[in-house]
Protein backbone atom coordinates (compact mmCIF):
# COMPACT_ATOMS: atom_id res chain seq x y z
CA UNK A 1 105.78 93.00 110.15
CA UNK A 2 104.46 93.03 106.69
CA UNK A 3 101.19 92.71 105.24
CA UNK A 4 98.09 93.42 107.74
CA UNK A 5 98.84 90.99 109.79
CA UNK A 6 96.00 88.99 110.93
CA UNK A 7 93.19 90.08 112.92
CA UNK A 8 93.86 87.32 115.38
CA UNK A 9 91.64 85.54 117.80
CA UNK A 10 92.77 83.12 120.43
CA UNK A 11 91.04 80.22 118.72
CA UNK A 12 92.51 77.40 120.70
CA UNK A 13 91.18 74.69 123.01
CA UNK A 14 90.24 75.42 126.61
CA UNK A 15 93.38 73.74 127.92
CA UNK A 16 95.44 76.72 126.78
CA UNK A 17 92.97 79.42 127.82
CA UNK A 18 94.89 80.37 130.95
CA UNK A 19 97.90 81.42 128.93
CA UNK A 20 98.22 85.01 127.81
CA UNK A 21 101.47 84.90 125.81
CA UNK A 22 103.65 87.93 126.21
CA UNK A 23 102.21 89.03 129.56
CA UNK A 24 104.27 88.13 132.59
CA UNK A 25 102.99 86.84 135.93
CA UNK A 26 100.63 84.36 137.55
CA UNK A 27 97.44 85.95 138.96
CA UNK A 28 94.17 85.80 137.02
CA UNK A 29 92.53 89.20 136.64
CA UNK A 30 89.85 90.69 134.39
CA UNK A 31 92.02 93.43 133.00
CA UNK A 32 94.91 95.62 134.07
CA UNK A 33 95.21 99.37 134.33
CA UNK A 34 98.86 100.41 134.59
CA UNK A 35 100.87 103.61 133.98
CA UNK A 36 103.57 101.89 131.89
CA UNK A 37 102.26 99.02 129.80
CA UNK A 38 105.59 98.44 128.04
CA UNK A 39 107.01 97.13 131.31
CA UNK A 40 104.42 94.33 131.27
CA UNK A 41 105.21 92.93 127.82
CA UNK A 42 107.58 90.08 127.05
CA UNK A 43 108.40 90.36 123.34
CA UNK A 44 110.13 86.99 123.12
CA UNK A 45 107.04 85.24 124.46
CA UNK A 46 104.87 87.27 122.08
CA UNK A 47 106.99 86.17 119.12
CA UNK A 48 106.72 82.49 120.09
CA UNK A 49 103.00 82.80 120.64
CA UNK A 50 102.44 84.47 117.26
CA UNK A 51 103.71 81.43 115.39
CA UNK A 52 101.70 78.96 117.50
CA UNK A 53 98.59 81.05 117.01
CA UNK A 54 98.58 80.67 113.22
CA UNK A 55 97.58 77.00 113.02
CA UNK A 56 94.60 77.56 115.31
CA UNK A 57 93.63 80.71 113.42
CA UNK A 58 93.72 79.00 110.05
CA UNK A 59 91.47 76.17 111.27
CA UNK A 60 88.90 78.63 112.56
CA UNK A 61 89.00 80.88 109.50
CA UNK A 62 88.70 77.99 107.07
CA UNK A 63 85.69 76.71 109.01
CA UNK A 64 84.03 80.14 109.12
CA UNK A 65 84.60 80.70 105.40
CA UNK A 66 82.81 77.50 104.38
CA UNK A 67 79.24 78.32 103.29
CA UNK A 68 78.17 74.86 104.48
CA UNK A 69 78.71 76.05 108.05
CA UNK A 70 76.55 79.11 107.62
CA UNK A 71 72.93 79.14 106.50
CA UNK A 72 71.42 81.89 104.36
CA UNK A 73 70.85 84.02 107.44
CA UNK A 74 74.23 83.22 108.91
CA UNK A 75 73.46 80.69 111.65
CA UNK A 76 76.42 78.29 111.98
CA UNK A 77 76.02 74.55 111.99
CA UNK A 78 77.72 73.38 115.16
CA UNK A 79 80.82 71.35 114.44
CA UNK A 80 82.70 68.91 116.64
CA UNK A 81 85.91 70.93 116.86
CA UNK A 82 86.29 73.47 119.67
CA UNK A 83 87.82 76.74 118.52
CA UNK A 84 87.08 78.98 121.47
CA UNK A 85 89.07 79.99 124.53
CA UNK A 86 86.20 79.66 126.97
CA UNK A 87 84.15 82.36 128.65
CA UNK A 88 85.41 85.90 128.29
CA UNK A 89 86.69 87.51 131.48
CA UNK A 90 85.91 91.03 130.32
CA UNK A 91 82.56 92.00 131.81
CA UNK A 92 82.10 95.41 130.25
CA UNK A 93 84.19 97.96 128.42
CA UNK A 94 82.17 100.98 129.51
CA UNK A 95 84.30 103.10 131.80
CA UNK A 96 86.76 100.23 132.14
CA UNK A 97 85.41 99.81 135.68
CA UNK A 98 86.09 96.10 135.34
CA UNK A 99 89.76 96.64 136.21
CA UNK A 100 90.48 95.22 139.66
CA UNK A 101 92.70 97.89 141.13
CA UNK A 102 96.45 98.23 140.76
CA UNK A 103 98.28 95.05 139.84
CA UNK A 104 102.06 94.71 140.03
CA UNK A 105 103.85 93.51 136.87
CA UNK A 106 104.87 90.21 138.44
CA UNK A 107 101.25 89.47 139.42
CA UNK A 108 99.97 89.16 135.86
CA UNK A 109 99.05 85.94 134.16
CA UNK A 110 95.93 85.70 132.04
CA UNK A 111 94.32 89.03 131.22
CA UNK A 112 91.86 90.08 128.57
CA UNK A 113 93.46 93.47 128.08
CA UNK A 114 95.97 95.97 129.44
CA UNK A 115 94.97 99.64 129.50
CA UNK A 116 97.02 102.69 130.43
CA UNK A 117 95.94 104.53 133.57
CA UNK A 118 96.59 107.72 131.59
CA UNK A 119 93.41 107.26 129.51
CA UNK A 120 89.72 107.10 130.39
CA UNK A 121 86.37 106.52 128.71
CA UNK A 122 84.33 109.71 128.50
CA UNK A 123 81.41 111.06 126.51
CA UNK A 124 82.64 113.00 123.48
CA UNK A 125 80.55 115.67 121.77
CA UNK A 126 78.97 114.27 118.65
CA UNK A 127 80.67 110.89 118.97
CA UNK A 128 79.17 109.16 122.00
CA UNK A 129 81.71 107.43 124.20
CA UNK A 130 85.40 107.65 123.41
CA UNK A 131 88.86 107.27 124.91
CA UNK A 132 90.35 110.52 126.24
CA UNK A 133 93.84 111.34 127.56
CA UNK A 134 93.84 112.05 131.31
CA UNK A 135 97.23 113.74 130.99
CA UNK A 136 99.69 114.79 128.29
CA UNK A 137 100.99 111.85 126.25
CA UNK A 138 104.06 111.79 124.02
CA UNK A 139 104.23 110.01 120.67
CA UNK A 140 104.91 106.29 121.03
CA UNK A 141 103.19 105.72 124.38
CA UNK A 142 101.39 102.39 124.71
CA UNK A 143 97.77 103.02 125.75
CA UNK A 144 96.06 99.65 125.20
CA UNK A 145 96.88 96.00 124.55
CA UNK A 146 93.77 94.04 123.61
CA UNK A 147 92.71 90.57 122.53
CA UNK A 148 89.72 89.98 120.26
CA UNK A 149 86.65 88.13 121.43
CA UNK A 150 86.54 86.48 118.02
CA UNK A 151 88.32 86.92 114.70
CA UNK A 152 88.66 85.37 111.26
CA UNK A 153 91.19 85.73 108.47
CA UNK A 154 90.37 87.73 105.37
CA UNK A 155 87.64 85.91 103.50
CA UNK A 156 88.95 87.19 100.17
CA UNK A 157 91.90 84.85 100.73
CA UNK A 158 89.71 81.92 101.71
CA UNK A 159 86.33 82.03 100.01
CA UNK A 160 84.45 83.97 97.37
CA UNK A 161 81.09 82.93 98.86
CA UNK A 162 81.08 84.67 102.22
CA UNK A 163 82.06 88.14 103.41
CA UNK A 164 84.27 89.10 106.37
CA UNK A 165 81.20 90.34 108.25
CA UNK A 166 79.30 87.09 107.68
CA UNK A 167 82.30 85.04 108.79
CA UNK A 168 82.74 87.06 111.99
CA UNK A 169 79.00 86.83 112.68
CA UNK A 170 79.11 83.07 112.18
CA UNK A 171 82.03 82.82 114.56
CA UNK A 172 80.21 84.92 117.18
CA UNK A 173 77.07 82.80 116.93
CA UNK A 174 79.08 79.61 117.20
CA UNK A 175 80.63 80.86 120.41
CA UNK A 176 77.43 82.41 121.80
CA UNK A 177 74.43 80.57 120.26
CA UNK A 178 71.75 82.54 122.16
CA UNK A 179 71.21 86.06 123.45
CA UNK A 180 71.45 84.88 127.06
CA UNK A 181 74.86 83.35 126.37
CA UNK A 182 76.38 86.71 125.43
CA UNK A 183 78.81 88.20 127.96
CA UNK A 184 78.06 91.83 128.90
CA UNK A 185 80.88 93.32 126.85
CA UNK A 186 79.37 91.89 123.67
CA UNK A 187 75.82 92.88 124.60
CA UNK A 188 77.05 96.46 124.99
CA UNK A 189 77.90 96.59 121.29
CA UNK A 190 75.41 98.29 118.99
CA UNK A 191 72.85 97.02 118.00
CA UNK A 192 72.95 94.04 120.38
CA UNK A 193 72.39 96.26 123.41
CA UNK A 194 68.89 97.06 122.11
CA UNK A 195 67.95 93.41 121.54
CA UNK A 196 65.32 92.05 123.93
CA UNK A 197 64.89 88.48 122.67
CA UNK A 198 66.24 85.95 120.17
CA UNK A 199 63.79 86.76 117.38
CA UNK A 200 66.18 89.18 115.66
CA UNK A 201 69.31 87.49 116.94
CA UNK A 202 70.98 86.59 113.66
CA UNK A 203 70.47 89.98 112.01
CA UNK A 204 71.66 91.82 115.14
CA UNK A 205 74.83 89.73 115.39
CA UNK A 206 75.64 90.40 111.74
CA UNK A 207 75.13 94.13 112.27
CA UNK A 208 77.27 94.06 115.42
CA UNK A 209 80.05 92.35 113.49
CA UNK A 210 79.81 94.94 110.72
CA UNK A 211 79.73 97.98 113.00
CA UNK A 212 82.17 96.94 115.72
CA UNK A 213 84.79 94.80 114.00
CA UNK A 214 88.10 96.16 112.80
CA UNK A 215 90.92 94.87 110.71
CA UNK A 216 94.29 94.56 112.36
CA UNK A 217 97.74 94.09 111.05
CA UNK A 218 101.35 94.85 111.72
CA UNK A 219 101.72 96.79 108.48
CA UNK A 220 99.34 97.57 105.63
CA UNK A 221 99.86 95.04 102.85
CA UNK A 222 102.88 95.79 100.71
CA UNK A 223 106.14 94.02 100.24
CA UNK A 224 105.07 90.45 100.96
CA UNK A 225 101.40 90.75 100.05
CA UNK A 226 99.67 87.41 99.52
CA UNK A 227 102.85 85.39 99.77
CA UNK A 228 102.65 82.30 101.91
CA UNK A 229 103.93 84.01 105.04
CA UNK A 230 101.25 82.88 107.45
CA UNK A 231 102.11 85.14 110.34
CA UNK A 232 101.24 88.13 108.19
CA UNK A 233 97.78 87.09 107.01
CA UNK A 234 95.08 89.65 107.67
CA UNK A 235 91.59 89.39 109.00
CA UNK A 236 88.72 90.92 110.92
CA UNK A 237 88.05 90.84 114.66
CA UNK A 238 85.75 92.16 117.38
CA UNK A 239 87.46 94.03 120.23
CA UNK A 240 85.13 95.08 123.08
CA UNK A 241 87.67 97.46 124.67
CA UNK A 242 89.33 98.77 121.50
CA UNK A 243 85.87 99.47 120.07
CA UNK A 244 85.86 102.45 122.44
CA UNK A 245 88.21 104.24 120.03
CA UNK A 246 86.39 106.59 117.68
CA UNK A 247 87.48 107.09 114.08
CA UNK A 248 89.33 110.04 112.62
CA UNK A 249 90.87 110.55 109.19
CA UNK A 250 93.73 112.23 111.07
CA UNK A 251 94.21 109.72 113.91
CA UNK A 252 96.61 110.19 116.81
CA UNK A 253 96.81 106.48 117.70
CA UNK A 254 98.14 103.65 115.53
CA UNK A 255 97.58 99.93 115.99
CA UNK A 256 99.67 96.86 115.26
CA UNK A 257 99.38 93.14 115.95
CA UNK A 258 101.42 90.09 116.78
CA UNK A 259 99.73 86.75 117.15
CA UNK A 260 96.47 87.27 119.02
CA UNK A 261 97.55 90.53 120.67
CA UNK A 262 96.84 93.96 119.21
CA UNK A 263 98.32 97.08 120.74
CA UNK A 264 97.62 100.76 120.34
CA UNK A 265 100.23 103.53 120.62
CA UNK A 266 100.03 107.27 120.28
CA UNK A 267 101.42 108.28 116.89
CA UNK A 268 101.64 111.98 117.83
CA UNK A 269 101.82 113.99 121.04
CA UNK A 270 98.38 114.14 122.69
CA UNK A 271 97.27 116.88 125.09
CA UNK A 272 95.37 116.24 128.32
CA UNK A 273 91.64 116.08 127.59
CA UNK A 274 92.15 115.35 123.88
CA UNK A 275 90.30 112.39 122.39
CA UNK A 276 92.37 109.39 121.30
CA UNK A 277 91.34 108.28 117.82
CA UNK A 278 92.31 105.55 115.39
CA UNK A 279 91.56 105.08 111.72
CA UNK A 280 88.97 102.41 111.02
CA UNK A 281 90.49 102.11 107.56
CA UNK A 282 94.10 101.45 106.59
CA UNK A 283 96.43 104.43 106.84
CA UNK A 284 97.16 103.91 103.15
CA UNK A 285 93.58 105.07 102.46
CA UNK A 286 93.74 108.28 104.49
CA UNK A 287 95.21 110.16 101.53
CA UNK A 288 92.24 109.30 99.30
CA UNK A 289 89.26 111.61 98.60
CA UNK A 290 86.54 111.81 101.25
CA UNK A 291 84.09 109.77 99.16
CA UNK A 292 86.59 106.92 98.92
CA UNK A 293 87.32 107.00 102.65
CA UNK A 294 83.62 106.98 103.51
CA UNK A 295 83.00 104.03 101.21
CA UNK A 296 85.71 102.00 102.93
CA UNK A 297 84.48 102.95 106.41
CA UNK A 298 81.33 100.88 105.84
CA UNK A 299 79.81 102.15 109.09
CA UNK A 300 76.48 103.85 109.74
CA UNK A 301 77.97 107.30 110.28
CA UNK A 302 79.31 110.08 108.14
CA UNK A 303 82.78 111.09 109.29
CA UNK A 304 82.91 114.70 110.46
CA UNK A 305 86.52 114.80 111.63
CA UNK A 306 88.48 118.03 110.91
CA UNK A 307 89.90 116.57 107.69
CA UNK A 308 86.47 115.66 106.31
CA UNK A 309 84.90 118.93 107.47
CA UNK A 310 87.48 121.04 105.63
CA UNK A 311 87.75 118.89 102.49
CA UNK A 312 85.85 119.89 99.36
CA UNK A 313 84.53 117.75 96.52
CA UNK A 314 86.99 115.65 94.55
CA UNK A 315 86.21 114.37 91.06
CA UNK A 316 89.00 111.80 90.99
CA UNK A 317 88.13 108.63 89.07
CA UNK A 318 89.61 105.57 90.74
CA UNK A 319 90.85 102.87 88.36
CA UNK A 320 89.81 99.45 89.72
CA UNK A 321 92.61 97.03 90.58
CA UNK A 322 91.38 93.78 92.08
CA UNK A 323 92.99 91.01 94.07
CA UNK A 324 92.88 88.90 90.92
CA UNK A 325 94.75 91.64 89.05
CA UNK A 326 97.42 91.65 91.74
CA UNK A 327 97.81 87.89 91.71
CA UNK A 328 98.05 87.79 87.92
CA UNK A 329 100.71 90.50 88.03
CA UNK A 330 102.76 88.49 90.53
CA UNK A 331 102.57 85.40 88.32
CA UNK A 332 104.27 87.08 85.35
CA UNK A 333 107.97 86.52 84.72
CA UNK A 334 110.22 89.50 85.54
CA UNK A 335 110.40 90.87 81.99
CA UNK A 336 106.64 90.63 81.51
CA UNK A 337 106.09 92.19 84.93
CA UNK A 338 108.30 95.17 84.08
CA UNK A 339 106.35 95.75 80.89
CA UNK A 340 102.95 95.32 82.56
CA UNK A 341 103.74 97.59 85.51
CA UNK A 342 104.96 100.30 83.13
CA UNK A 343 101.70 100.06 81.19
CA UNK A 344 99.61 100.22 84.36
CA UNK A 345 101.43 103.26 85.74
CA UNK A 346 101.24 105.06 82.39
CA UNK A 347 97.47 104.45 82.24
CA UNK A 348 97.01 107.05 84.98
CA UNK A 349 96.34 110.59 83.84
CA UNK A 350 94.96 113.72 85.43
CA UNK A 351 92.02 112.85 87.69
CA UNK A 352 92.07 109.18 86.70
CA UNK A 353 94.32 107.02 88.86
CA UNK A 354 94.68 103.94 91.02
CA UNK A 355 94.25 104.07 94.77
CA UNK A 356 97.57 105.08 96.30
CA UNK A 357 97.95 101.67 97.96
CA UNK A 358 97.43 99.89 94.63
CA UNK A 359 99.85 102.23 92.90
CA UNK A 360 102.36 101.37 95.61
CA UNK A 361 101.82 97.65 95.06
CA UNK A 362 102.36 98.05 91.31
CA UNK A 363 105.59 99.98 91.87
CA UNK A 364 106.75 97.40 94.43
CA UNK A 365 106.20 94.60 91.91
CA UNK A 366 108.37 96.54 89.50
CA UNK A 367 111.10 96.71 92.13
CA UNK A 368 110.94 92.97 92.75
CA UNK A 369 111.18 92.22 89.05
CA UNK A 370 114.38 94.28 88.85
CA UNK A 371 115.83 92.44 91.86
CA UNK A 372 114.99 89.08 90.31
CA UNK A 373 116.96 89.87 87.14
CA UNK A 374 119.90 91.29 89.10
CA UNK A 375 119.47 94.97 88.19
CA UNK A 376 120.22 96.11 91.74
CA UNK A 377 121.04 99.80 91.08
CA UNK A 378 117.79 100.18 89.12
CA UNK A 379 115.90 98.37 91.88
CA UNK A 380 117.38 100.71 94.49
CA UNK A 381 116.33 103.72 92.44
CA UNK A 382 112.81 102.32 92.05
CA UNK A 383 112.48 101.54 95.77
CA UNK A 384 113.56 105.11 96.44
CA UNK A 385 110.67 106.24 94.25
CA UNK A 386 108.24 104.00 96.15
CA UNK A 387 109.47 105.43 99.45
CA UNK A 388 109.10 109.01 98.21
CA UNK A 389 105.56 108.20 97.03
CA UNK A 390 104.67 106.69 100.42
CA UNK A 391 106.10 109.68 102.28
CA UNK A 392 103.73 111.96 100.38
CA UNK A 393 100.70 109.71 100.91
CA UNK A 394 101.07 108.36 104.46
CA UNK A 395 101.09 109.96 107.92
CA UNK A 396 104.57 110.93 109.20
CA UNK A 397 106.42 108.04 110.87
CA UNK A 398 103.80 105.54 109.71
CA UNK A 399 105.12 101.98 110.24
CA UNK A 400 104.36 101.29 106.58
CA UNK A 401 107.28 103.61 105.75
CA UNK A 402 109.67 101.39 107.70
CA UNK A 403 108.64 98.41 105.56
CA UNK A 404 109.37 100.25 102.33
CA UNK A 405 112.51 101.87 103.72
CA UNK A 406 114.00 98.49 104.66
CA UNK A 407 113.48 97.29 101.09
CA UNK A 408 115.11 100.50 99.83
CA UNK A 409 118.12 100.06 102.11
CA UNK A 410 118.53 96.40 101.13
CA UNK A 411 118.45 97.25 97.42
CA UNK A 412 121.16 99.87 98.00
CA UNK A 413 123.29 97.38 99.93
CA UNK A 414 122.95 94.89 97.07
CA UNK A 415 123.88 97.54 94.51
CA UNK A 416 126.99 98.52 96.47
CA UNK A 417 128.05 94.90 97.12
CA UNK A 418 127.86 94.02 93.41
CA UNK A 419 129.36 97.23 92.02
CA UNK A 420 132.41 96.84 89.75
CA UNK A 421 134.28 99.59 91.57
CA UNK A 422 133.19 99.58 95.18
CA UNK A 423 135.55 102.46 96.04
CA UNK A 424 133.34 104.82 94.05
CA UNK A 425 130.07 103.37 95.34
CA UNK A 426 127.83 105.79 97.25
CA UNK A 427 127.00 105.22 100.90
CA UNK A 428 123.63 103.82 101.91
CA UNK A 429 121.17 106.62 102.59
CA UNK A 430 117.55 106.66 103.68
CA UNK A 431 115.30 109.71 104.25
CA UNK A 432 113.20 107.76 106.75
CA UNK A 433 114.29 106.99 110.31
CA UNK A 434 113.42 103.29 110.25
CA UNK A 435 114.18 102.78 113.91
CA UNK A 436 111.93 105.67 114.92
CA UNK A 437 109.04 104.34 112.81
CA UNK A 438 109.38 100.89 114.35
CA UNK A 439 109.56 102.20 117.89
CA UNK A 440 106.48 104.39 117.45
CA UNK A 441 104.53 101.35 116.28
CA UNK A 442 105.98 98.55 118.41
CA UNK A 443 108.20 99.70 121.27
CA UNK A 444 111.85 100.03 122.20
CA UNK A 445 114.15 98.77 119.44
CA UNK A 446 116.15 96.64 121.87
CA UNK A 447 112.94 94.82 122.86
CA UNK A 448 111.62 94.25 119.33
CA UNK A 449 114.93 93.34 117.65
CA UNK A 450 113.93 89.64 117.20
CA UNK A 451 110.79 90.86 115.47
CA UNK A 452 112.88 93.13 113.20
CA UNK A 453 115.30 90.30 112.39
CA UNK A 454 112.34 88.15 111.38
CA UNK A 455 111.17 90.86 109.01
CA UNK A 456 114.62 91.48 107.50
CA UNK A 457 115.00 87.76 106.82
CA UNK A 458 111.69 87.86 104.93
CA UNK A 459 113.06 90.64 102.71
CA UNK A 460 116.57 89.25 102.22
CA UNK A 461 116.05 85.49 101.89
CA UNK A 462 114.24 85.44 98.49
CA UNK A 463 117.15 87.33 96.91
CA UNK A 464 120.31 85.95 98.55
CA UNK A 465 119.14 82.49 99.64
CA UNK A 466 118.79 81.04 103.14
CA UNK A 467 122.49 80.12 103.48
CA UNK A 468 123.68 83.74 103.30
CA UNK A 469 120.93 85.42 105.27
CA UNK A 470 122.84 85.89 108.54
CA UNK A 471 125.52 88.29 107.27
CA UNK A 472 122.98 90.36 105.33
CA UNK A 473 120.69 90.61 108.35
CA UNK A 474 123.51 91.86 110.56
CA UNK A 475 124.51 94.45 107.98
CA UNK A 476 120.92 95.66 107.71
CA UNK A 477 120.54 95.76 111.48
CA UNK A 478 123.66 97.87 111.89
CA UNK A 479 122.32 100.38 109.35
CA UNK A 480 118.90 100.57 111.03
CA UNK A 481 120.40 100.71 114.52
CA UNK A 482 122.62 103.63 113.57
């Protein structure tokens, strides 16, 4: 659950196209509208599928990131390997009229999406079409499970010569080489819906990729950023149904991913008739000045959500901190890292600072350095500082908080276990309800426990070693579960 997990596409051969991992049943349908989507999901199957998905995803993303496969205007050179899952079964996202009536949970097999019957597509003032609640929704309700038509991993991790947009466009054109080959749900995306012939095909596909793609991930990148944990790689994808969500800098829906499935849950209570919105940018950017948010939106609109409308000018100067800077910081030995992180944090003053997410990464590297040299009490104190910082810069109950909180709890457990006098050691405390954060993002804790165990192992193993992971995981689980 770390890192932005990939924007995943089902990039496998046709022989596996009939399988929709994690969705139970046996009848092929276009899509499913259902009042309780959680009852349709099999988390164990989703976990197994997520790991199988990675090899296919990496092949596709490596291919799409190679400039040799894309000409100057982006047309791919057709290769021998088949990456695609066959023809899409989603005919159109508009109105979601493609759903074939009510389908019982045990009748499901291969679907392109699951959508709650408690939401509908309606025209929204000033925003075109959008998803609207048909009745009151409570925080944590699952409203959509979607699969991308196409996706690629982050190009910054694969190639310096091609952008995410170009890679997605190349992937789209490889799957649909002509205008006539496009399924209706793709042709409905702006600006492809206005295209009459192939003469402007390449430019239109690139624009469609830029305007309609979204990043997806289980958590914004933090604790395990850029480590070789393949299931947490990030990317960019095109979602015909999820593209119905409009953007807000104060969203009421969060998204998370596992394998090639991305789901959307309400993050707050939503009233009947209220629009359901997501953030097109990471939640770790929502605390930044309006100019920064708009820059990262990279869409042809100027956000006029309540937050942007009420916000004044901000003269904050953002200190650049690149991927290369992050990688170089990680490569330092613990002592050098402690010194460098202190220098970086002290370089901030007044209106001159790093982005909050970069500041968090710098502080997290400091915590890891302390863990590596065995200074567990100091590491626990530092992780507490990171958590406090995130609480003041992220939406309440953001799943990102659970990631940091688990690191904070683990550091406290280590400090207590290695204390000279354990009778005087303080109890583990955490100001964040980790279980609540996880359930709001993913679902019932009992259903996602294997997923949580996987994440805890990723946190614990580098410190205690693989042989001792089991006992530490159980101790962490008991703390979270309580």
